[in-house]
Amino acid sequence: MTHLSRRELLAALGAAVTVPTWARATLSAQAPSPTMTTLSTFMAAAAGASLPAEVIDHAKHHVLDTFAAMISGSELPPGKAALTFARAQGAKGTGTATVVASNILAGPIEAALANGVLAHSDETDDSHGESQSHPGAPVVSASLASGEEFDISGMHFLRAVALGYDIGPRVTIAMGGVDFRNESHQSTHAIAGMFGAAAASGCAAGLTAQQMRWLLDYTAQQSSGIASWGRDSDHILKGFVFAGMPARNGVTSALLVQLGWNGVDDVFSGADNFFQAHAPKAKPAMLTDALGQRYEVTQTDIKKWTVGTPIQGPLDAVVNLRQKRAFEAADVVKLDVHLAPTVAAVVDNRDIPDICLQHMMAVMLLDKTASFAAAHDQPRMKQPAVLAERAKVTLVKDEALARFLPVRVAVVEVTLKDGTVLNERVDAVRGTIRNPMGRQEVVDKARDLIAPVLGAQQATRLIDAVLSLDARPKIRSLRPLLQKA
């Protein structure tokens, strides 16, 4: 038999070659679905869209809260690792983007990664329950890097941030939220953060609807993150998965498309689409559910206390009890905390102060508050005065509270020396959307995180600048307020 070359074989077959129907469908261009058309059109219009005053205020609060998390995080191991990375990359050339809490300038991709890790160096940043994500850390980091790259205004920056919150969480809500996370072992925090960071960066870049579709394609191709982050003991990997990697990837998507790269017009439908690959039970229509009517930045929690989530409710309970009847640590004989068993296990006698319930309750008894400094003071865990109060604290793993999950109900019972027993139940932690903090509380938390690192005067100037972002002509003007010598 004569052996034909590939060229000869194709010539011999000529017009007789028939492409199967399924192959022709794969090779032909696919028109965007109605969902993608609505989504990409909304994203492209966001740069010039009007936002309700309430949404602008929420965006400012979340930006301030995230900047504060970055600045305080700079003195923790993940933040130090982020700055080491940024310093190494910044030394290779002239950067254009701010690396917070440092004097480093880096490229937008590297700055987004570093600032993302800074923002999630600890359990300080915001969280969105339904999507199982921490949107602020990746979205604000990506918005800052892209905003500086494209020299946008403060109002444009706020619009980019609001869009990031709207898009990222909707992706993992559509995928199934907590059920998807539990069944797939993938990280909803990474996925939501990545799409949120990309949307925000695309808004900063002023991408068209067509470019936004390609941006979503490049983001889908980069979508990654698995739940093994739960085994990270130093929070460095967690900071990368939750925020550093998503911010980096989102900025990358925007920069590629802005420079002329194209892609698939609808990665959310058609053959081999994103949901087929990751979440076959997904409901893509939820991507546009109430889009432009329900703003997810208003549905995102800001933590009052910079401690592990299960400790938030018990701390609130002691504050509430003291408002009803004042008492000192010396007046307390016993303090019992009731939590659902799975919740209690996360914070039961841990060796890290901010995730040890018994220690933080002792601190609250003594200090009448729980500052960032106190929550990260490792030596204080061995001080006799703290240990004496800690001996009064009992954590009760209460099966009766398990039925309320995923709401983490906390019940605290305080017994005083005179025999009085005080009880307080917390169903909605302060800072959640059911019990939100006012502006002054958000500012007080930010000041507690920023001032020890940048100084009281710079902290005040930064807070004032963020709260007036909609009037600032250049987002780059924040740089001297975010950095330190």
Protein backbone atom coordinates (compact mmCIF):
# COMPACT_ATOMS: atom_id res chain seq x y z
CA MET A 1 0.00 0.00 0.00
CA THR A 2 1.33 3.40 -0.97
CA HIS A 3 2.03 5.60 2.04
CA LEU A 4 0.68 9.12 1.52
CA SER A 5 1.86 12.22 3.31
CA ARG A 6 -0.70 14.24 5.25
CA ARG A 7 -0.70 16.87 2.47
CA GLU A 8 -1.25 14.20 -0.20
CA LEU A 9 -3.99 12.52 1.78
CA LEU A 10 -5.91 15.75 2.20
CA ALA A 11 -5.51 16.55 -1.49
CA ALA A 12 -6.81 13.11 -2.44
CA LEU A 13 -9.83 13.40 -0.22
CA GLY A 14 -10.59 16.95 -1.41
CA ALA A 15 -14.23 17.91 -1.24
CA ALA A 16 -15.17 14.40 -0.08
CA VAL A 17 -14.04 15.28 3.42
CA THR A 18 -17.15 15.64 5.58
CA VAL A 19 -17.05 17.34 8.97
CA PRO A 20 -19.49 15.69 11.40
CA THR A 21 -22.40 17.77 12.58
CA TRP A 22 -21.08 17.97 16.15
CA ALA A 23 -17.68 19.15 14.93
CA ARG A 24 -19.22 21.83 12.72
CA ALA A 25 -21.16 23.09 15.73
CA THR A 26 -17.95 23.24 17.75
CA LEU A 27 -16.04 25.06 15.05
CA SER A 28 -18.73 27.65 14.29
CA ALA A 29 -19.10 30.86 16.29
CA GLN A 30 -21.78 30.85 18.97
CA ALA A 31 -24.00 33.85 19.61
CA PRO A 32 -24.06 34.97 23.25
CA SER A 33 -27.02 33.75 25.27
CA PRO A 34 -29.56 36.28 26.61
CA THR A 35 -28.00 35.87 30.06
CA MET A 36 -24.52 36.68 28.76
CA THR A 37 -25.82 39.61 26.73
CA THR A 38 -27.54 41.10 29.78
CA LEU A 39 -24.53 40.45 32.00
CA SER A 40 -21.88 41.86 29.67
CA THR A 41 -23.99 44.90 28.78
CA PHE A 42 -24.47 45.70 32.46
CA MET A 43 -20.74 45.26 33.13
CA ALA A 44 -19.76 47.57 30.27
CA ALA A 45 -22.16 50.28 31.41
CA ALA A 46 -21.01 50.18 35.04
CA ALA A 47 -18.13 52.64 34.57
CA GLY A 48 -20.59 55.46 33.89
CA ALA A 49 -23.65 54.24 35.74
CA SER A 50 -25.31 56.12 38.58
CA LEU A 51 -25.27 54.34 41.92
CA PRO A 52 -27.81 54.88 44.70
CA ALA A 53 -26.42 56.92 47.60
CA GLU A 54 -26.79 53.92 49.93
CA VAL A 55 -24.64 51.80 47.61
CA ILE A 56 -21.95 54.48 47.42
CA ASP A 57 -21.84 54.66 51.21
CA HIS A 58 -21.59 50.88 51.53
CA ALA A 59 -18.82 50.79 48.92
CA LYS A 60 -16.85 53.41 50.85
CA HIS A 61 -17.23 51.46 54.08
CA HIS A 62 -16.04 48.22 52.48
CA VAL A 63 -13.09 49.95 50.80
CA LEU A 64 -12.08 51.47 54.14
CA ASP A 65 -12.50 48.15 55.93
CA THR A 66 -10.37 46.39 53.29
CA PHE A 67 -7.62 49.02 53.33
CA ALA A 68 -7.53 48.67 57.12
CA ALA A 69 -7.20 44.90 56.77
CA MET A 70 -4.28 45.37 54.34
CA ILE A 71 -2.48 47.80 56.64
CA SER A 72 -2.91 45.73 59.82
CA GLY A 73 -2.10 42.58 57.87
CA SER A 74 1.29 43.97 56.88
CA GLU A 75 2.65 43.11 60.33
CA LEU A 76 1.42 39.49 60.29
CA PRO A 77 3.29 36.55 58.67
CA PRO A 78 1.15 36.43 55.46
CA GLY A 79 1.51 40.19 55.01
CA LYS A 80 5.26 40.01 55.52
CA ALA A 81 5.42 37.25 52.91
CA ALA A 82 3.38 39.41 50.50
CA LEU A 83 5.73 42.36 50.99
CA THR A 84 8.77 40.14 50.43
CA PHE A 85 7.27 39.06 47.11
CA ALA A 86 6.39 42.63 46.12
CA ARG A 87 9.83 43.90 47.07
CA ALA A 88 11.51 41.24 44.94
CA GLN A 89 9.28 42.02 41.95
CA GLY A 90 9.39 45.78 42.41
CA ALA A 91 13.18 45.70 42.36
CA LYS A 92 13.10 44.40 38.78
CA GLY A 93 11.72 47.58 37.25
CA THR A 94 9.77 50.76 37.74
CA GLY A 95 6.31 49.94 39.04
CA THR A 96 3.14 51.94 38.57
CA ALA A 97 0.94 50.43 41.28
CA THR A 98 0.84 50.96 45.04
CA VAL A 99 1.75 48.18 47.43
CA VAL A 100 -0.03 49.14 50.65
CA ALA A 101 1.79 49.68 53.96
CA SER A 102 5.18 49.85 52.23
CA ASN A 103 7.24 52.14 50.01
CA ILE A 104 7.11 49.63 47.15
CA LEU A 105 5.77 50.22 43.65
CA ALA A 106 5.14 47.20 41.45
CA GLY A 107 3.36 46.27 38.25
CA PRO A 108 -0.44 46.06 38.53
CA ILE A 109 -0.49 42.25 38.46
CA GLU A 110 2.13 41.92 41.21
CA ALA A 111 0.59 44.72 43.29
CA ALA A 112 -2.85 43.12 43.08
CA LEU A 113 -1.45 39.81 44.33
CA ALA A 114 0.48 41.40 47.20
CA ASN A 115 -2.37 43.64 48.34
CA GLY A 116 -4.82 40.74 48.16
CA VAL A 117 -2.69 38.65 50.51
CA LEU A 118 -2.24 41.67 52.79
CA ALA A 119 -6.03 42.09 52.98
CA HIS A 120 -6.62 38.46 53.95
CA SER A 121 -3.62 38.06 56.23
CA ASP A 122 -6.10 37.57 59.03
CA GLU A 123 -9.82 37.08 59.73
CA THR A 124 -10.37 40.85 59.52
CA ASP A 125 -11.87 41.43 56.06
CA ASP A 126 -15.51 41.35 54.99
CA SER A 127 -17.56 38.30 53.99
CA HIS A 128 -20.60 37.44 51.83
CA GLY A 129 -22.54 34.53 53.29
CA GLU A 130 -24.68 33.33 50.39
CA SER A 131 -21.76 33.13 47.96
CA GLN A 132 -19.31 31.78 50.56
CA SER A 133 -16.72 34.41 49.70
CA HIS A 134 -14.67 37.30 51.06
CA PRO A 135 -15.17 39.78 48.20
CA GLY A 136 -13.44 42.88 49.57
CA ALA A 137 -9.87 41.57 49.63
CA PRO A 138 -9.67 40.54 45.94
CA VAL A 139 -12.06 43.18 44.54
CA VAL A 140 -10.55 46.23 46.25
CA SER A 141 -7.00 45.01 45.55
CA ALA A 142 -7.78 44.54 41.86
CA SER A 143 -9.68 47.85 41.66
CA LEU A 144 -6.76 49.76 43.16
CA ALA A 145 -4.15 48.21 40.85
CA SER A 146 -6.28 48.60 37.72
CA GLY A 147 -7.51 52.01 38.79
CA GLU A 148 -3.96 53.29 39.07
CA GLU A 149 -3.00 51.67 35.77
CA PHE A 150 -5.83 53.45 33.93
CA ASP A 151 -5.69 56.63 36.06
CA ILE A 152 -9.36 56.61 37.05
CA SER A 153 -11.25 58.90 39.41
CA GLY A 154 -12.44 58.07 42.90
CA MET A 155 -16.04 57.73 41.71
CA HIS A 156 -15.00 55.42 38.87
CA PHE A 157 -13.10 53.38 41.46
CA LEU A 158 -16.23 53.05 43.62
CA ARG A 159 -18.23 51.93 40.58
CA ALA A 160 -15.58 49.30 39.82
CA VAL A 161 -15.70 48.05 43.40
CA ALA A 162 -19.51 47.87 43.40
CA LEU A 163 -19.46 45.94 40.12
CA GLY A 164 -16.92 43.47 41.49
CA TYR A 165 -19.18 42.74 44.46
CA ASP A 166 -22.15 42.31 42.10
CA ILE A 167 -20.49 39.84 39.71
CA GLY A 168 -18.17 37.66 41.82
CA PRO A 169 -20.69 36.52 44.45
CA ARG A 170 -23.37 35.93 41.79
CA VAL A 171 -21.10 33.39 40.08
CA THR A 172 -20.80 31.11 43.10
CA ILE A 173 -24.44 31.69 44.07
CA ALA A 174 -25.34 30.42 40.59
CA MET A 175 -23.02 27.45 41.13
CA GLY A 176 -24.86 26.46 44.30
CA GLY A 177 -23.06 28.32 47.10
CA VAL A 178 -22.30 26.21 50.14
CA ASP A 179 -23.68 23.01 48.56
CA PHE A 180 -21.35 23.43 45.56
CA ARG A 181 -18.43 24.06 47.88
CA ASN A 182 -19.12 20.96 49.96
CA GLU A 183 -19.74 18.66 46.98
CA SER A 184 -16.95 19.82 44.69
CA HIS A 185 -14.11 20.51 47.16
CA GLN A 186 -13.40 23.64 45.14
CA SER A 187 -12.91 27.04 46.78
CA THR A 188 -15.90 29.33 46.37
CA HIS A 189 -13.77 32.05 47.95
CA ALA A 190 -11.28 31.87 45.10
CA ILE A 191 -13.86 31.59 42.31
CA ALA A 192 -16.09 34.45 43.50
CA GLY A 193 -13.04 36.57 44.21
CA MET A 194 -11.61 35.94 40.77
CA PHE A 195 -14.72 36.92 38.83
CA GLY A 196 -15.27 39.90 41.12
CA ALA A 197 -11.68 41.10 40.64
CA ALA A 198 -11.97 40.66 36.87
CA ALA A 199 -15.24 42.58 36.64
CA ALA A 200 -13.82 45.42 38.73
CA SER A 201 -10.65 45.54 36.62
CA GLY A 202 -12.65 45.47 33.40
CA CYS A 203 -14.69 48.40 34.68
CA ALA A 204 -11.52 50.34 35.52
CA ALA A 205 -10.20 49.60 32.00
CA GLY A 206 -13.45 50.79 30.39
CA LEU A 207 -14.02 47.57 28.45
CA THR A 208 -16.92 47.27 26.00
CA ALA A 209 -19.65 44.63 26.27
CA GLN A 210 -17.81 42.44 23.73
CA GLN A 211 -14.58 42.80 25.67
CA MET A 212 -16.36 42.00 28.93
CA ARG A 213 -17.46 38.70 27.39
CA TRP A 214 -13.85 37.89 26.54
CA LEU A 215 -12.76 39.02 30.01
CA LEU A 216 -15.16 36.48 31.54
CA ASP A 217 -13.71 33.82 29.25
CA TYR A 218 -10.12 34.48 30.33
CA THR A 219 -11.24 34.53 33.95
CA ALA A 220 -13.05 31.20 33.56
CA GLN A 221 -9.87 29.69 32.11
CA GLN A 222 -7.94 30.86 35.18
CA SER A 223 -10.60 29.79 37.67
CA SER A 224 -8.96 27.63 40.31
CA GLY A 225 -8.65 26.97 44.01
CA ILE A 226 -9.42 23.86 46.05
CA ALA A 227 -10.49 23.40 49.64
CA SER A 228 -7.11 22.10 50.77
CA TRP A 229 -6.51 25.64 52.02
CA GLY A 230 -8.27 24.41 55.18
CA ARG A 231 -5.06 22.56 56.10
CA ASP A 232 -2.97 25.75 55.97
CA SER A 233 -1.75 26.51 59.49
CA ASP A 234 -0.02 29.84 58.81
CA HIS A 235 -2.75 31.60 56.78
CA ILE A 236 -0.28 32.36 53.96
CA LEU A 237 -1.76 29.89 51.50
CA LYS A 238 -5.25 30.96 52.57
CA GLY A 239 -4.40 34.60 51.84
CA PHE A 240 -3.22 33.59 48.38
CA VAL A 241 -6.25 31.40 47.59
CA PHE A 242 -8.90 33.78 48.95
CA ALA A 243 -7.49 37.05 47.67
CA GLY A 244 -3.98 37.24 46.21
CA MET A 245 -4.51 34.79 43.35
CA PRO A 246 -8.05 36.04 42.51
CA ALA A 247 -6.90 39.67 42.43
CA ARG A 248 -3.89 38.80 40.26
CA ASN A 249 -5.93 36.72 37.82
CA GLY A 250 -8.70 39.29 37.55
CA VAL A 251 -6.26 42.08 36.72
CA THR A 252 -4.53 39.80 34.20
CA SER A 253 -7.82 39.13 32.38
CA ALA A 254 -8.55 42.84 32.07
CA LEU A 255 -5.06 43.79 30.88
CA LEU A 256 -5.01 41.07 28.21
CA VAL A 257 -8.38 42.00 26.78
CA GLN A 258 -7.68 45.73 26.96
CA LEU A 259 -4.57 45.12 24.85
CA GLY A 260 -6.60 43.41 22.11
CA TRP A 261 -6.78 39.74 23.03
CA ASN A 262 -10.06 38.06 22.06
CA GLY A 263 -11.73 34.86 23.16
CA VAL A 264 -14.99 32.92 23.36
CA ASP A 265 -18.10 35.07 23.30
CA ASP A 266 -20.02 33.11 25.93
CA VAL A 267 -18.07 30.90 28.31
CA PHE A 268 -21.18 30.38 30.45
CA SER A 269 -23.21 28.51 27.79
CA GLY A 270 -22.65 26.26 24.78
CA ALA A 271 -20.24 23.37 24.36
CA ASP A 272 -17.74 22.74 27.16
CA ASN A 273 -18.85 25.81 29.09
CA PHE A 274 -17.72 26.89 32.54
CA PHE A 275 -20.71 25.50 34.41
CA GLN A 276 -20.50 22.13 32.64
CA ALA A 277 -16.90 21.87 33.74
CA HIS A 278 -17.34 22.99 37.34
CA ALA A 279 -20.98 22.89 38.45
CA PRO A 280 -23.36 20.86 36.25
CA LYS A 281 -26.25 21.65 38.62
CA ALA A 282 -25.69 25.40 38.34
CA LYS A 283 -28.44 27.89 37.52
CA PRO A 284 -26.83 30.39 35.11
CA ALA A 285 -29.91 32.64 35.15
CA MET A 286 -28.93 33.64 38.69
CA LEU A 287 -25.99 35.56 37.22
CA THR A 288 -28.40 38.33 36.30
CA ASP A 289 -30.95 37.91 39.08
CA ALA A 290 -31.94 41.42 40.28
CA LEU A 291 -28.80 42.81 38.64
CA GLY A 292 -28.92 46.59 38.99
CA GLN A 293 -31.58 46.30 41.68
CA ARG A 294 -29.90 44.26 44.42
CA TYR A 295 -26.35 45.43 45.04
CA GLU A 296 -24.28 42.75 46.70
CA VAL A 297 -22.01 45.24 48.45
CA THR A 298 -25.05 46.04 50.63
CA GLN A 299 -25.44 42.31 51.35
CA THR A 300 -21.86 41.84 52.59
CA ASP A 301 -20.90 41.70 56.27
CA ILE A 302 -18.22 43.80 57.94
CA LYS A 303 -16.74 42.21 61.06
CA LYS A 304 -16.83 44.28 64.23
CA TRP A 305 -14.25 42.11 65.98
CA THR A 306 -11.00 40.96 64.36
CA VAL A 307 -11.33 37.37 65.56
CA GLY A 308 -12.55 34.06 64.19
CA THR A 309 -16.21 34.16 63.17
CA PRO A 310 -17.53 31.80 65.93
CA ILE A 311 -16.19 34.19 68.60
CA GLN A 312 -18.03 37.22 67.22
CA GLY A 313 -21.42 36.38 68.78
CA PRO A 314 -20.09 35.62 72.27
CA LEU A 315 -18.15 38.90 72.33
CA ASP A 316 -21.30 40.75 71.27
CA ALA A 317 -23.21 39.01 74.05
CA VAL A 318 -20.86 40.26 76.79
CA VAL A 319 -21.04 43.82 75.43
CA ASN A 320 -24.85 43.60 75.38
CA LEU A 321 -24.98 42.28 78.94
CA ARG A 322 -22.75 45.07 80.24
CA GLN A 323 -25.04 47.64 78.64
CA LYS A 324 -27.91 46.19 80.66
CA ARG A 325 -25.93 45.83 83.90
CA ALA A 326 -22.38 47.01 84.44
CA PHE A 327 -19.95 44.50 85.93
CA GLU A 328 -16.20 44.08 86.24
CA ALA A 329 -14.11 40.98 85.60
CA ALA A 330 -13.68 40.60 89.37
CA ASP A 331 -17.47 40.35 89.76
CA VAL A 332 -17.69 37.25 87.54
CA VAL A 333 -17.65 33.76 89.02
CA LYS A 334 -18.46 31.83 85.86
CA LEU A 335 -19.00 32.54 82.16
CA ASP A 336 -20.57 29.83 79.98
CA VAL A 337 -20.67 30.09 76.18
CA HIS A 338 -23.05 27.86 74.21
CA LEU A 339 -22.32 27.20 70.52
CA ALA A 340 -23.31 24.48 68.05
CA PRO A 341 -20.78 21.60 68.31
CA THR A 342 -19.24 22.03 64.84
CA VAL A 343 -18.90 25.77 65.41
CA ALA A 344 -17.43 25.36 68.88
CA ALA A 345 -14.79 22.92 67.63
CA VAL A 346 -13.24 25.64 65.46
CA VAL A 347 -12.39 27.91 68.41
CA ASP A 348 -12.06 25.54 71.37
CA ASN A 349 -8.81 26.18 73.29
CA ARG A 350 -6.80 27.01 70.18
CA ASP A 351 -3.19 28.12 70.57
CA ILE A 352 -3.66 31.26 68.43
CA PRO A 353 -5.26 34.15 70.35
CA ASP A 354 -7.70 35.44 67.73
CA ILE A 355 -9.24 31.99 67.20
CA CYS A 356 -9.27 30.89 70.85
CA LEU A 357 -12.69 31.55 72.36
CA GLN A 358 -11.66 31.02 75.99
CA HIS A 359 -8.79 33.50 75.67
CA MET A 360 -10.78 36.18 73.84
CA MET A 361 -13.62 35.99 76.38
CA ALA A 362 -11.04 36.51 79.14
CA VAL A 363 -9.69 39.53 77.25
CA MET A 364 -13.21 40.92 76.89
CA LEU A 365 -13.82 40.57 80.63
CA LEU A 366 -10.61 42.47 81.42
CA ASP A 367 -10.52 45.07 78.64
CA LYS A 368 -14.27 45.52 78.01
CA THR A 369 -13.40 45.31 74.32
CA ALA A 370 -11.38 43.10 71.96
CA SER A 371 -8.88 45.18 70.03
CA PHE A 372 -6.80 44.00 67.09
CA ALA A 373 -3.67 44.29 69.24
CA ALA A 374 -5.17 42.18 72.01
CA ALA A 375 -6.39 39.56 69.54
CA HIS A 376 -2.85 39.14 68.22
CA ASP A 377 -0.88 39.35 71.47
CA GLN A 378 0.49 35.82 71.76
CA PRO A 379 2.51 36.40 74.99
CA ARG A 380 -0.61 37.68 76.73
CA MET A 381 -2.12 34.20 76.52
CA LYS A 382 0.24 33.22 79.36
CA GLN A 383 -0.24 36.23 81.63
CA PRO A 384 -1.59 35.29 85.10
CA ALA A 385 -4.39 37.86 85.02
CA VAL A 386 -5.67 36.53 81.69
CA LEU A 387 -5.33 32.91 82.78
CA ALA A 388 -7.35 33.67 85.94
CA GLU A 389 -10.25 34.99 83.85
CA ARG A 390 -9.89 32.22 81.30
CA ALA A 391 -10.39 29.65 84.07
CA LYS A 392 -13.92 31.04 84.51
CA VAL A 393 -14.87 30.38 80.88
CA THR A 394 -16.59 27.15 79.82
CA LEU A 395 -17.43 26.39 76.19
CA VAL A 396 -20.58 24.28 75.93
CA LYS A 397 -21.08 22.32 72.69
CA ASP A 398 -24.83 22.66 72.49
CA GLU A 399 -26.65 20.33 70.07
CA ALA A 400 -29.81 22.42 70.40
CA LEU A 401 -28.09 25.27 68.54
CA ALA A 402 -27.09 23.07 65.59
CA ARG A 403 -30.57 23.33 64.10
CA PHE A 404 -30.04 27.04 63.41
CA LEU A 405 -26.98 26.52 61.20
CA PRO A 406 -25.68 28.10 59.01
CA VAL A 407 -26.70 30.93 61.37
CA ARG A 408 -24.23 30.69 64.25
CA VAL A 409 -26.38 31.39 67.29
CA ALA A 410 -24.48 32.09 70.52
CA VAL A 411 -25.81 32.00 74.07
CA VAL A 412 -23.77 33.43 76.95
CA GLU A 413 -24.53 33.00 80.66
CA VAL A 414 -22.63 35.06 83.22
CA THR A 415 -22.83 34.23 86.94
CA LEU A 416 -21.85 37.04 89.29
CA LYS A 417 -20.56 36.81 92.86
CA ASP A 418 -23.84 38.07 94.28
CA GLY A 419 -25.65 35.11 92.68
CA THR A 420 -27.12 37.06 89.77
CA VAL A 421 -27.22 35.10 86.51
CA LEU A 422 -27.23 37.13 83.27
CA ASN A 423 -28.23 35.56 79.95
CA GLU A 424 -27.86 36.85 76.41
CA ARG A 425 -28.59 35.19 73.08
CA VAL A 426 -27.14 36.55 69.84
CA ASP A 427 -28.80 35.53 66.59
CA ALA A 428 -27.39 38.31 64.39
CA VAL A 429 -23.78 39.26 64.98
CA ARG A 430 -22.94 42.96 64.91
CA GLY A 431 -21.72 43.88 61.44
CA THR A 432 -23.87 41.38 59.57
CA ILE A 433 -26.55 42.60 57.19
CA ARG A 434 -29.19 41.78 59.83
CA ASN A 435 -27.37 43.88 62.44
CA PRO A 436 -25.17 46.32 60.52
CA MET A 437 -22.65 48.71 62.00
CA GLY A 438 -23.04 52.44 61.55
CA ARG A 439 -20.37 54.58 59.92
CA GLN A 440 -18.75 55.54 63.20
CA GLU A 441 -18.29 51.90 64.20
CA VAL A 442 -16.70 51.14 60.82
CA VAL A 443 -14.39 54.14 61.27
CA ASP A 444 -13.50 53.13 64.83
CA LYS A 445 -12.54 49.64 63.68
CA ALA A 446 -10.47 51.05 60.81
CA ARG A 447 -8.65 53.47 63.10
CA ASP A 448 -7.80 50.64 65.51
CA LEU A 449 -6.21 48.72 62.62
CA ILE A 450 -4.51 51.60 60.76
CA ALA A 451 -3.11 53.92 63.45
CA PRO A 452 -0.61 51.47 65.01
CA VAL A 453 1.01 50.98 61.61
CA LEU A 454 0.75 54.38 59.87
CA GLY A 455 0.26 56.69 62.84
CA ALA A 456 -2.82 58.49 64.11
CA GLN A 457 -2.57 61.52 61.83
CA GLN A 458 -2.13 59.53 58.63
CA ALA A 459 -4.94 57.20 59.72
CA THR A 460 -7.29 60.17 60.06
CA ARG A 461 -6.30 61.57 56.65
CA LEU A 462 -6.77 58.18 54.98
CA ILE A 463 -10.19 57.65 56.59
CA ASP A 464 -11.32 61.11 55.48
CA ALA A 465 -10.03 60.49 51.94
CA VAL A 466 -11.87 57.18 51.58
CA LEU A 467 -15.11 58.65 52.88
CA SER A 468 -14.87 61.37 50.21
CA LEU A 469 -13.72 59.12 47.36
CA ASP A 470 -16.58 60.16 45.11
CA ALA A 471 -15.12 63.70 45.04
CA ARG A 472 -11.48 62.73 44.35
CA PRO A 473 -10.37 63.26 40.74
CA LYS A 474 -7.60 60.64 40.89
CA ILE A 475 -7.45 57.32 42.73
CA ARG A 476 -3.66 57.63 42.55
CA SER A 477 -3.91 60.45 45.11
CA LEU A 478 -4.46 57.81 47.82
CA ARG A 479 -0.92 56.46 47.42
CA PRO A 480 0.87 58.65 50.01
CA LEU A 481 -1.91 57.88 52.50
CA LEU A 482 -1.74 54.11 51.97
CA GLN A 483 2.04 53.75 52.06
CA LYS A 484 4.65 54.24 54.74
CA ALA A 485 8.31 55.19 54.50
